[in-house]
Every structure is written in C-alpha cells, then in structure tokens.
Amino acid sequence: MTALLKWLRWRVILLFAALTPPCRQIVRLASSRYEQPLGPWTRLRLRVHLGICRACERYLRQLDLLHEAARQSGENYSDCRHGVRLGDEAKVRLKSRLRCERVG
C-alpha cells in the first residue's frame, strides 16, 4: 500500500473516531439499550464505534451474553437490591465463560 493510501486510510479512521462517542459513553449506551430503545443517530454512532473499537465490541458481546443468561434463567430480578450476590461457583463459571469470548 502506498504511503498516500495509508495516510488516507488513517484519516478516514480518525474521522469516524471523531464522529463516534468515546468508549466510556459506549459502555453507558450499551447498558441503557436494554431499558429504552436508542434513537437512529445514536445507533449509527454506536455501530461505527464498534466497527473501529474491538474492545467495545467484545464488551457488548459479553454484555449480551449476560443479558441473555439472565433472561433465560426465568427469574425476575427487577425487585433486587444491591444485597443479592452470586455464589462462588457461579462467579467461576461466569468468569470462565467470559474469558472464552474471542475477538473476531
């Protein structure tokens, strides 16, 4: 690849990065998308960020995994307060499953 194409490629990446929210905001958006739908502009910015940032992409996959596991458990946790804790065995299984996730 020529130097000009490399330079142009990085400029496009930087432009997309400037148009997307920072990683901290992506984390908040990812969590809130289960509670309320995101607007079209926010969804677009989220997708663009995920196309650039592999760490956030992995985080969202892990969050989806946890959300799905909670949904499949059949328990209603909407009333839970901070006093609820996972057992040691559940923590080990959860950590092991999250570590198995690979960045595509």
PDB file of N, CA and C in Angstrom:
ATOM      1  N   MET A   1       0.846  -1.170   0.000  1.00  0.00           N
ATOM      2  CA  MET A   1       0.000   0.000   0.000  1.00  0.00           C
ATOM      3  C   MET A   1       0.898   1.242   0.000  1.00  0.00           C
ATOM      4  N   THR A   2       0.570   2.157  -0.805  1.00  0.00           N
ATOM      5  CA  THR A   2       1.410   3.349  -0.891  1.00  0.00           C
ATOM      6  C   THR A   2       1.225   4.214   0.349  1.00  0.00           C
ATOM      7  N   ALA A   3       2.172   5.108   0.534  1.00  0.00           N
ATOM      8  CA  ALA A   3       2.125   5.991   1.695  1.00  0.00           C
ATOM      9  C   ALA A   3       0.873   6.873   1.671  1.00  0.00           C
ATOM     10  N   LEU A   4       0.470   7.311   0.491  1.00  0.00           N
ATOM     11  CA  LEU A   4      -0.718   8.149   0.376  1.00  0.00           C
ATOM     12  C   LEU A   4      -1.974   7.385   0.794  1.00  0.00           C
ATOM     13  N   LEU A   5      -2.095   6.127   0.372  1.00  0.00           N
ATOM     14  CA  LEU A   5      -3.264   5.327   0.759  1.00  0.00           C
ATOM     15  C   LEU A   5      -3.288   5.051   2.250  1.00  0.00           C
ATOM     16  N   LYS A   6      -2.118   4.773   2.825  1.00  0.00           N
ATOM     17  CA  LYS A   6      -2.052   4.570   4.280  1.00  0.00           C
ATOM     18  C   LYS A   6      -2.483   5.830   5.015  1.00  0.00           C
ATOM     19  N   TRP A   7      -1.978   6.971   4.549  1.00  0.00           N
ATOM     20  CA  TRP A   7      -2.327   8.235   5.178  1.00  0.00           C
ATOM     21  C   TRP A   7      -3.831   8.485   5.069  1.00  0.00           C
ATOM     22  N   LEU A   8      -4.387   8.247   3.891  1.00  0.00           N
ATOM     23  CA  LEU A   8      -5.811   8.446   3.663  1.00  0.00           C
ATOM     24  C   LEU A   8      -6.646   7.503   4.526  1.00  0.00           C
ATOM     25  N   ARG A   9      -6.224   6.262   4.621  1.00  0.00           N
ATOM     26  CA  ARG A   9      -6.935   5.275   5.439  1.00  0.00           C
ATOM     27  C   ARG A   9      -6.994   5.733   6.893  1.00  0.00           C
ATOM     28  N   TRP A  10      -5.873   6.199   7.429  1.00  0.00           N
ATOM     29  CA  TRP A  10      -5.839   6.663   8.819  1.00  0.00           C
ATOM     30  C   TRP A  10      -6.691   7.910   9.007  1.00  0.00           C
ATOM     31  N   ARG A  11      -6.720   8.771   8.003  1.00  0.00           N
ATOM     32  CA  ARG A  11      -7.566   9.972   8.098  1.00  0.00           C
ATOM     33  C   ARG A  11      -9.043   9.582   8.174  1.00  0.00           C
ATOM     34  N   VAL A  12      -9.454   8.616   7.393  1.00  0.00           N
ATOM     35  CA  VAL A  12     -10.848   8.152   7.426  1.00  0.00           C
ATOM     36  C   VAL A  12     -11.161   7.534   8.787  1.00  0.00           C
ATOM     37  N   ILE A  13     -10.252   6.728   9.307  1.00  0.00           N
ATOM     38  CA  ILE A  13     -10.453   6.118  10.627  1.00  0.00           C
ATOM     39  C   ILE A  13     -10.567   7.198  11.693  1.00  0.00           C
ATOM     40  N   LEU A  14      -9.693   8.190  11.640  1.00  0.00           N
ATOM     41  CA  LEU A  14      -9.746   9.274  12.618  1.00  0.00           C
ATOM     42  C   LEU A  14     -11.033  10.084  12.501  1.00  0.00           C
ATOM     43  N   LEU A  15     -11.522  10.271  11.281  1.00  0.00           N
ATOM     44  CA  LEU A  15     -12.780  10.977  11.074  1.00  0.00           C
ATOM     45  C   LEU A  15     -13.931  10.204  11.717  1.00  0.00           C
ATOM     46  N   PHE A  16     -13.986   8.902  11.460  1.00  0.00           N
ATOM     47  CA  PHE A  16     -15.027   8.077  12.079  1.00  0.00           C
ATOM     48  C   PHE A  16     -14.909   8.094  13.592  1.00  0.00           C
ATOM     49  N   ALA A  17     -13.689   8.010  14.092  1.00  0.00           N
ATOM     50  CA  ALA A  17     -13.476   8.036  15.543  1.00  0.00           C
ATOM     51  C   ALA A  17     -13.966   9.345  16.141  1.00  0.00           C
ATOM     52  N   ALA A  18     -13.763  10.450  15.432  1.00  0.00           N
ATOM     53  CA  ALA A  18     -14.211  11.747  15.929  1.00  0.00           C
ATOM     54  C   ALA A  18     -15.730  11.856  15.946  1.00  0.00           C
ATOM     55  N   LEU A  19     -16.398  11.134  15.067  1.00  0.00           N
ATOM     56  CA  LEU A  19     -17.854  11.192  14.986  1.00  0.00           C
ATOM     57  C   LEU A  19     -18.542  10.245  15.960  1.00  0.00           C
ATOM     58  N   THR A  20     -17.801   9.374  16.587  1.00  0.00           N
ATOM     59  CA  THR A  20     -18.398   8.390  17.483  1.00  0.00           C
ATOM     60  C   THR A  20     -18.179   8.785  18.935  1.00  0.00           C
ATOM     61  N   PRO A  21     -19.029   8.296  19.818  1.00  0.00           N
ATOM     62  CA  PRO A  21     -18.842   8.582  21.240  1.00  0.00           C
ATOM     63  C   PRO A  21     -17.581   7.890  21.763  1.00  0.00           C
ATOM     64  N   PRO A  22     -17.005   8.394  22.847  1.00  0.00           N
ATOM     65  CA  PRO A  22     -15.860   7.719  23.452  1.00  0.00           C
ATOM     66  C   PRO A  22     -16.294   6.398  24.101  1.00  0.00           C
ATOM     67  N   CYS A  23     -15.334   5.560  24.396  1.00  0.00           N
ATOM     68  CA  CYS A  23     -15.620   4.230  24.951  1.00  0.00           C
ATOM     69  C   CYS A  23     -16.467   4.298  26.228  1.00  0.00           C
ATOM     70  N   ARG A  24     -16.197   5.244  27.099  1.00  0.00           N
ATOM     71  CA  ARG A  24     -16.987   5.357  28.340  1.00  0.00           C
ATOM     72  C   ARG A  24     -18.468   5.579  28.036  1.00  0.00           C
ATOM     73  N   GLN A  25     -18.752   6.375  27.039  1.00  0.00           N
ATOM     74  CA  GLN A  25     -20.143   6.620  26.677  1.00  0.00           C
ATOM     75  C   GLN A  25     -20.754   5.392  26.004  1.00  0.00           C
ATOM     76  N   ILE A  26     -19.952   4.661  25.257  1.00  0.00           N
ATOM     77  CA  ILE A  26     -20.435   3.430  24.621  1.00  0.00           C
ATOM     78  C   ILE A  26     -20.889   2.443  25.693  1.00  0.00           C
ATOM     79  N   VAL A  27     -20.136   2.339  26.773  1.00  0.00           N
ATOM     80  CA  VAL A  27     -20.498   1.435  27.868  1.00  0.00           C
ATOM     81  C   VAL A  27     -21.856   1.826  28.439  1.00  0.00           C
ATOM     82  N   ARG A  28     -22.068   3.114  28.662  1.00  0.00           N
ATOM     83  CA  ARG A  28     -23.367   3.564  29.193  1.00  0.00           C
ATOM     84  C   ARG A  28     -24.493   3.298  28.191  1.00  0.00           C
ATOM     85  N   LEU A  29     -24.229   3.567  26.914  1.00  0.00           N
ATOM     86  CA  LEU A  29     -25.248   3.319  25.889  1.00  0.00           C
ATOM     87  C   LEU A  29     -25.587   1.836  25.800  1.00  0.00           C
ATOM     88  N   ALA A  30     -24.555   1.011  25.875  1.00  0.00           N
ATOM     89  CA  ALA A  30     -24.767  -0.433  25.779  1.00  0.00           C
ATOM     90  C   ALA A  30     -25.649  -0.929  26.913  1.00  0.00           C
ATOM     91  N   SER A  31     -25.448  -0.404  28.090  1.00  0.00           N
ATOM     92  CA  SER A  31     -26.262  -0.823  29.233  1.00  0.00           C
ATOM     93  C   SER A  31     -27.683  -0.289  29.138  1.00  0.00           C
ATOM     94  N   SER A  32     -27.823   0.945  28.683  1.00  0.00           N
ATOM     95  CA  SER A  32     -29.158   1.549  28.644  1.00  0.00           C
ATOM     96  C   SER A  32     -30.013   1.037  27.493  1.00  0.00           C
ATOM     97  N   ARG A  33     -29.400   0.406  26.481  1.00  0.00           N
ATOM     98  CA  ARG A  33     -30.201  -0.048  25.341  1.00  0.00           C
ATOM     99  C   ARG A  33     -31.154  -1.170  25.713  1.00  0.00           C
ATOM    100  N   TYR A  34     -30.944  -1.819  26.869  1.00  0.00           N
ATOM    101  CA  TYR A  34     -31.886  -2.845  27.328  1.00  0.00           C
ATOM    102  C   TYR A  34     -33.090  -2.216  28.009  1.00  0.00           C
ATOM    103  N   GLU A  35     -32.934  -0.991  28.497  1.00  0.00           N
ATOM    104  CA  GLU A  35     -34.012  -0.333  29.221  1.00  0.00           C
ATOM    105  C   GLU A  35     -34.879   0.538  28.330  1.00  0.00           C
ATOM    106  N   GLN A  36     -34.266   1.143  27.313  1.00  0.00           N
ATOM    107  CA  GLN A  36     -35.011   2.009  26.408  1.00  0.00           C
ATOM    108  C   GLN A  36     -34.373   1.932  25.029  1.00  0.00           C
ATOM    109  N   PRO A  37     -35.182   2.050  23.991  1.00  0.00           N
ATOM    110  CA  PRO A  37     -34.609   1.972  22.635  1.00  0.00           C
ATOM    111  C   PRO A  37     -33.745   3.201  22.336  1.00  0.00           C
ATOM    112  N   LEU A  38     -32.677   2.976  21.582  1.00  0.00           N
ATOM    113  CA  LEU A  38     -31.803   4.074  21.173  1.00  0.00           C
ATOM    114  C   LEU A  38     -32.338   4.689  19.893  1.00  0.00           C
ATOM    115  N   GLY A  39     -32.109   5.972  19.737  1.00  0.00           N
ATOM    116  CA  GLY A  39     -32.527   6.664  18.522  1.00  0.00           C
ATOM    117  C   GLY A  39     -31.671   6.227  17.342  1.00  0.00           C
ATOM    118  N   PRO A  40     -32.117   6.522  16.132  1.00  0.00           N
ATOM    119  CA  PRO A  40     -31.378   6.078  14.946  1.00  0.00           C
ATOM    120  C   PRO A  40     -29.964   6.667  14.856  1.00  0.00           C
ATOM    121  N   TRP A  41     -29.792   7.944  15.200  1.00  0.00           N
ATOM    122  CA  TRP A  41     -28.469   8.567  15.140  1.00  0.00           C
ATOM    123  C   TRP A  41     -27.533   7.927  16.166  1.00  0.00           C
ATOM    124  N   THR A  42     -28.033   7.657  17.358  1.00  0.00           N
ATOM    125  CA  THR A  42     -27.225   7.028  18.401  1.00  0.00           C
ATOM    126  C   THR A  42     -26.846   5.612  17.994  1.00  0.00           C
ATOM    127  N   ARG A  43     -27.795   4.872  17.410  1.00  0.00           N
ATOM    128  CA  ARG A  43     -27.479   3.510  16.947  1.00  0.00           C
ATOM    129  C   ARG A  43     -26.408   3.529  15.866  1.00  0.00           C
ATOM    130  N   LEU A  44     -26.482   4.494  14.959  1.00  0.00           N
ATOM    131  CA  LEU A  44     -25.475   4.610  13.906  1.00  0.00           C
ATOM    132  C   LEU A  44     -24.094   4.903  14.501  1.00  0.00           C
ATOM    133  N   ARG A  45     -24.035   5.855  15.423  1.00  0.00           N
ATOM    134  CA  ARG A  45     -22.762   6.188  16.055  1.00  0.00           C
ATOM    135  C   ARG A  45     -22.202   4.995  16.829  1.00  0.00           C
ATOM    136  N   LEU A  46     -23.080   4.234  17.466  1.00  0.00           N
ATOM    137  CA  LEU A  46     -22.663   3.036  18.191  1.00  0.00           C
ATOM    138  C   LEU A  46     -22.073   2.012  17.227  1.00  0.00           C
ATOM    139  N   ARG A  47     -22.735   1.770  16.113  1.00  0.00           N
ATOM    140  CA  ARG A  47     -22.238   0.803  15.122  1.00  0.00           C
ATOM    141  C   ARG A  47     -20.902   1.219  14.534  1.00  0.00           C
ATOM    142  N   VAL A  48     -20.759   2.507  14.240  1.00  0.00           N
ATOM    143  CA  VAL A  48     -19.484   2.990  13.696  1.00  0.00           C
ATOM    144  C   VAL A  48     -18.370   2.790  14.715  1.00  0.00           C
ATOM    145  N   HIS A  49     -18.648   3.106  15.971  1.00  0.00           N
ATOM    146  CA  HIS A  49     -17.637   2.922  17.016  1.00  0.00           C
ATOM    147  C   HIS A  49     -17.248   1.446  17.138  1.00  0.00           C
ATOM    148  N   LEU A  50     -18.241   0.576  17.094  1.00  0.00           N
ATOM    149  CA  LEU A  50     -17.961  -0.859  17.217  1.00  0.00           C
ATOM    150  C   LEU A  50     -17.177  -1.381  16.024  1.00  0.00           C
ATOM    151  N   GLY A  51     -17.316  -0.732  14.887  1.00  0.00           N
ATOM    152  CA  GLY A  51     -16.521  -1.110  13.729  1.00  0.00           C
ATOM    153  C   GLY A  51     -15.055  -0.748  13.880  1.00  0.00           C
ATOM    154  N   ILE A  52     -14.775   0.201  14.744  1.00  0.00           N
ATOM    155  CA  ILE A  52     -13.404   0.665  14.961  1.00  0.00           C
ATOM    156  C   ILE A  52     -12.785   0.045  16.210  1.00  0.00           C
ATOM    157  N   CYS A  53     -13.565  -0.080  17.267  1.00  0.00           N
ATOM    158  CA  CYS A  53     -13.040  -0.450  18.594  1.00  0.00           C
ATOM    159  C   CYS A  53     -13.374  -1.907  18.935  1.00  0.00           C
ATOM    160  N   ARG A  54     -12.401  -2.760  18.867  1.00  0.00           N
ATOM    161  CA  ARG A  54     -12.614  -4.188  19.166  1.00  0.00           C
ATOM    162  C   ARG A  54     -12.890  -4.435  20.651  1.00  0.00           C
ATOM    163  N   ALA A  55     -12.341  -3.602  21.524  1.00  0.00           N
ATOM    164  CA  ALA A  55     -12.578  -3.780  22.961  1.00  0.00           C
ATOM    165  C   ALA A  55     -14.055  -3.540  23.291  1.00  0.00           C
ATOM    166  N   CYS A  56     -14.638  -2.502  22.729  1.00  0.00           N
ATOM    167  CA  CYS A  56     -16.058  -2.231  22.966  1.00  0.00           C
ATOM    168  C   CYS A  56     -16.937  -3.301  22.320  1.00  0.00           C
ATOM    169  N   GLU A  57     -16.526  -3.784  21.168  1.00  0.00           N
ATOM    170  CA  GLU A  57     -17.281  -4.855  20.511  1.00  0.00           C
ATOM    171  C   GLU A  57     -17.313  -6.094  21.408  1.00  0.00           C
ATOM    172  N   ARG A  58     -16.179  -6.425  21.979  1.00  0.00           N
ATOM    173  CA  ARG A  58     -16.114  -7.583  22.875  1.00  0.00           C
ATOM    174  C   ARG A  58     -16.956  -7.338  24.121  1.00  0.00           C
ATOM    175  N   TYR A  59     -16.883  -6.139  24.675  1.00  0.00           N
ATOM    176  CA  TYR A  59     -17.668  -5.806  25.860  1.00  0.00           C
ATOM    177  C   TYR A  59     -19.164  -5.978  25.576  1.00  0.00           C
ATOM    178  N   LEU A  60     -19.617  -5.489  24.432  1.00  0.00           N
ATOM    179  CA  LEU A  60     -21.030  -5.618  24.102  1.00  0.00           C
ATOM    180  C   LEU A  60     -21.448  -7.072  23.907  1.00  0.00           C
ATOM    181  N   ARG A  61     -20.573  -7.885  23.320  1.00  0.00           N
ATOM    182  CA  ARG A  61     -20.886  -9.318  23.184  1.00  0.00           C
ATOM    183  C   ARG A  61     -21.006  -9.957  24.569  1.00  0.00           C
ATOM    184  N   GLN A  62     -20.127  -9.597  25.478  1.00  0.00           N
ATOM    185  CA  GLN A  62     -20.185 -10.140  26.833  1.00  0.00           C
ATOM    186  C   GLN A  62     -21.445  -9.663  27.553  1.00  0.00           C
ATOM    187  N   LEU A  63     -21.792  -8.403  27.374  1.00  0.00           N
ATOM    188  CA  LEU A  63     -22.998  -7.869  27.988  1.00  0.00           C
ATOM    189  C   LEU A  63     -24.236  -8.573  27.435  1.00  0.00           C
ATOM    190  N   ASP A  64     -24.263  -8.818  26.133  1.00  0.00           N
ATOM    191  CA  ASP A  64     -25.374  -9.559  25.524  1.00  0.00           C
ATOM    192  C   ASP A  64     -25.461 -10.975  26.099  1.00  0.00           C
ATOM    193  N   LEU A  65     -24.306 -11.596  26.288  1.00  0.00           N
ATOM    194  CA  LEU A  65     -24.269 -12.939  26.867  1.00  0.00           C
ATOM    195  C   LEU A  65     -24.861 -12.939  28.274  1.00  0.00           C
ATOM    196  N   LEU A  66     -24.480 -11.979  29.090  1.00  0.00           N
ATOM    197  CA  LEU A  66     -25.009 -11.882  30.451  1.00  0.00           C
ATOM    198  C   LEU A  66     -26.501 -11.580  30.446  1.00  0.00           C
ATOM    199  N   HIS A  67     -26.924 -10.696  29.573  1.00  0.00           N
ATOM    200  CA  HIS A  67     -28.336 -10.348  29.479  1.00  0.00           C
ATOM    201  C   HIS A  67     -29.167 -11.563  29.071  1.00  0.00           C
ATOM    202  N   GLU A  68     -28.677 -12.301  28.092  1.00  0.00           N
ATOM    203  CA  GLU A  68     -29.391 -13.492  27.637  1.00  0.00           C
ATOM    204  C   GLU A  68     -29.441 -14.556  28.733  1.00  0.00           C
ATOM    205  N   ALA A  69     -28.341 -14.737  29.452  1.00  0.00           N
ATOM    206  CA  ALA A  69     -28.318 -15.725  30.537  1.00  0.00           C
ATOM    207  C   ALA A  69     -29.313 -15.344  31.631  1.00  0.00           C
ATOM    208  N   ALA A  70     -29.384 -14.075  31.952  1.00  0.00           N
ATOM    209  CA  ALA A  70     -30.340 -13.626  32.971  1.00  0.00           C
ATOM    210  C   ALA A  70     -31.773 -13.822  32.489  1.00  0.00           C
ATOM    211  N   ARG A  71     -32.004 -13.544  31.211  1.00  0.00           N
ATOM    212  CA  ARG A  71     -33.343 -13.716  30.653  1.00  0.00           C
ATOM    213  C   ARG A  71     -33.758 -15.184  30.663  1.00  0.00           C
ATOM    214  N   GLN A  72     -32.834 -16.064  30.313  1.00  0.00           N
ATOM    215  CA  GLN A  72     -33.147 -17.491  30.254  1.00  0.00           C
ATOM    216  C   GLN A  72     -33.309 -18.115  31.631  1.00  0.00           C
ATOM    217  N   SER A  73     -32.775 -17.469  32.650  1.00  0.00           N
ATOM    218  CA  SER A  73     -32.890 -18.044  33.994  1.00  0.00           C
ATOM    219  C   SER A  73     -34.332 -18.048  34.476  1.00  0.00           C
ATOM    220  N   GLY A  74     -35.159 -17.190  33.876  1.00  0.00           N
ATOM    221  CA  GLY A  74     -36.566 -17.174  34.243  1.00  0.00           C
ATOM    222  C   GLY A  74     -36.852 -16.418  35.523  1.00  0.00           C
ATOM    223  N   GLU A  75     -35.834 -15.928  36.186  1.00  0.00           N
ATOM    224  CA  GLU A  75     -36.020 -15.191  37.425  1.00  0.00           C
ATOM    225  C   GLU A  75     -36.356 -13.742  37.111  1.00  0.00           C
ATOM    226  N   ASN A  76     -37.131 -13.128  37.987  1.00  0.00           N
ATOM    227  CA  ASN A  76     -37.445 -11.712  37.844  1.00  0.00           C
ATOM    228  C   ASN A  76     -36.567 -10.946  38.819  1.00  0.00           C
ATOM    229  N   TYR A  77     -35.585 -10.253  38.286  1.00  0.00           N
ATOM    230  CA  TYR A  77     -34.645  -9.530  39.138  1.00  0.00           C
ATOM    231  C   TYR A  77     -34.953  -8.046  39.213  1.00  0.00           C
ATOM    232  N   SER A  78     -36.113  -7.628  38.763  1.00  0.00           N
ATOM    233  CA  SER A  78     -36.427  -6.200  38.762  1.00  0.00           C
ATOM    234  C   SER A  78     -36.555  -5.652  40.185  1.00  0.00           C
ATOM    235  N   ASP A  79     -36.870  -6.509  41.166  1.00  0.00           N
ATOM    236  CA  ASP A  79     -37.028  -6.052  42.552  1.00  0.00           C
ATOM    237  C   ASP A  79     -35.732  -6.126  43.345  1.00  0.00           C
ATOM    238  N   CYS A  80     -34.693  -6.710  42.774  1.00  0.00           N
ATOM    239  CA  CYS A  80     -33.461  -6.957  43.519  1.00  0.00           C
ATOM    240  C   CYS A  80     -32.772  -5.659  43.913  1.00  0.00           C
ATOM    241  N   ARG A  81     -32.164  -5.716  45.044  1.00  0.00           N
ATOM    242  CA  ARG A  81     -31.362  -4.601  45.532  1.00  0.00           C
ATOM    243  C   ARG A  81     -29.912  -5.049  45.559  1.00  0.00           C
ATOM    244  N   HIS A  82     -29.045  -4.198  46.029  1.00  0.00           N
ATOM    245  CA  HIS A  82     -27.610  -4.476  46.000  1.00  0.00           C
ATOM    246  C   HIS A  82     -27.188  -5.622  46.919  1.00  0.00           C
ATOM    247  N   GLY A  83     -28.052  -6.108  47.778  1.00  0.00           N
ATOM    248  CA  GLY A  83     -27.688  -7.175  48.702  1.00  0.00           C
ATOM    249  C   GLY A  83     -27.596  -8.552  48.051  1.00  0.00           C
ATOM    250  N   VAL A  84     -28.039  -8.712  46.817  1.00  0.00           N
ATOM    251  CA  VAL A  84     -28.023 -10.002  46.141  1.00  0.00           C
ATOM    252  C   VAL A  84     -26.623 -10.255  45.591  1.00  0.00           C
ATOM    253  N   ARG A  85     -26.080 -11.436  45.864  1.00  0.00           N
ATOM    254  CA  ARG A  85     -24.728 -11.784  45.426  1.00  0.00           C
ATOM    255  C   ARG A  85     -24.745 -13.134  44.720  1.00  0.00           C
ATOM    256  N   LEU A  86     -23.820 -13.293  43.766  1.00  0.00           N
ATOM    257  CA  LEU A  86     -23.638 -14.584  43.109  1.00  0.00           C
ATOM    258  C   LEU A  86     -22.857 -15.515  44.017  1.00  0.00           C
ATOM    259  N   GLY A  87     -23.131 -16.790  43.905  1.00  0.00           N
ATOM    260  CA  GLY A  87     -22.347 -17.768  44.639  1.00  0.00           C
ATOM    261  C   GLY A  87     -20.960 -17.916  44.011  1.00  0.00           C
ATOM    262  N   ASP A  88     -20.026 -18.488  44.754  1.00  0.00           N
ATOM    263  CA  ASP A  88     -18.655 -18.634  44.263  1.00  0.00           C
ATOM    264  C   ASP A  88     -18.593 -19.475  42.994  1.00  0.00           C
ATOM    265  N   GLU A  89     -19.366 -20.555  42.958  1.00  0.00           N
ATOM    266  CA  GLU A  89     -19.358 -21.424  41.771  1.00  0.00           C
ATOM    267  C   GLU A  89     -19.881 -20.683  40.546  1.00  0.00           C
ATOM    268  N   ALA A  90     -20.934 -19.908  40.718  1.00  0.00           N
ATOM    269  CA  ALA A  90     -21.492 -19.136  39.605  1.00  0.00           C
ATOM    270  C   ALA A  90     -20.498 -18.098  39.114  1.00  0.00           C
ATOM    271  N   LYS A  91     -19.769 -17.468  40.023  1.00  0.00           N
ATOM    272  CA  LYS A  91     -18.753 -16.483  39.639  1.00  0.00           C
ATOM    273  C   LYS A  91     -17.663 -17.123  38.792  1.00  0.00           C
ATOM    274  N   VAL A  92     -17.217 -18.310  39.207  1.00  0.00           N
ATOM    275  CA  VAL A  92     -16.160 -19.012  38.466  1.00  0.00           C
ATOM    276  C   VAL A  92     -16.648 -19.369  37.071  1.00  0.00           C
ATOM    277  N   ARG A  93     -17.877 -19.907  36.966  1.00  0.00           N
ATOM    278  CA  ARG A  93     -18.434 -20.258  35.655  1.00  0.00           C
ATOM    279  C   ARG A  93     -18.564 -19.033  34.762  1.00  0.00           C
ATOM    280  N   LEU A  94     -19.035 -17.940  35.327  1.00  0.00           N
ATOM    281  CA  LEU A  94     -19.228 -16.715  34.568  1.00  0.00           C
ATOM    282  C   LEU A  94     -17.888 -16.161  34.067  1.00  0.00           C
ATOM    283  N   LYS A  95     -16.893 -16.106  34.933  1.00  0.00           N
ATOM    284  CA  LYS A  95     -15.567 -15.619  34.532  1.00  0.00           C
ATOM    285  C   LYS A  95     -14.978 -16.502  33.450  1.00  0.00           C
ATOM    286  N   SER A  96     -15.128 -17.810  33.615  1.00  0.00           N
ATOM    287  CA  SER A  96     -14.580 -18.744  32.635  1.00  0.00           C
ATOM    288  C   SER A  96     -15.252 -18.557  31.275  1.00  0.00           C
ATOM    289  N   ARG A  97     -16.558 -18.353  31.265  1.00  0.00           N
ATOM    290  CA  ARG A  97     -17.289 -18.167  30.006  1.00  0.00           C
ATOM    291  C   ARG A  97     -16.890 -16.856  29.331  1.00  0.00           C
ATOM    292  N   LEU A  98     -16.735 -15.794  30.116  1.00  0.00           N
ATOM    293  CA  LEU A  98     -16.359 -14.506  29.544  1.00  0.00           C
ATOM    294  C   LEU A  98     -14.945 -14.542  28.974  1.00  0.00           C
ATOM    295  N   ARG A  99     -14.063 -15.286  29.584  1.00  0.00           N
ATOM    296  CA  ARG A  99     -12.693 -15.389  29.075  1.00  0.00           C
ATOM    297  C   ARG A  99     -12.628 -16.179  27.787  1.00  0.00           C
ATOM    298  N   CYS A 100     -13.615 -17.022  27.546  1.00  0.00           N
ATOM    299  CA  CYS A 100     -13.629 -17.826  26.328  1.00  0.00           C
ATOM    300  C   CYS A 100     -14.040 -17.006  25.119  1.00  0.00           C
ATOM    301  N   GLU A 101     -14.624 -15.843  25.319  1.00  0.00           N
ATOM    302  CA  GLU A 101     -15.015 -14.994  24.205  1.00  0.00           C
ATOM    303  C   GLU A 101     -13.770 -14.543  23.453  1.00  0.00           C
ATOM    304  N   ARG A 102     -13.800 -14.670  22.176  1.00  0.00           N
ATOM    305  CA  ARG A 102     -12.661 -14.247  21.350  1.00  0.00           C
ATOM    306  C   ARG A 102     -13.082 -13.089  20.478  1.00  0.00           C
ATOM    307  N   VAL A 103     -12.146 -12.189  20.270  1.00  0.00           N
ATOM    308  CA  VAL A 103     -12.401 -11.062  19.376  1.00  0.00           C
ATOM    309  C   VAL A 103     -12.282 -11.594  17.961  1.00  0.00           C
ATOM    310  N   GLY A 104     -13.342 -11.383  17.148  1.00  0.00           N
ATOM    311  CA  GLY A 104     -13.438 -11.932  15.815  1.00  0.00           C
ATOM    312  C   GLY A 104     -12.425 -11.388  14.899  1.00  0.00           C
TER     313      GLY A 104
END
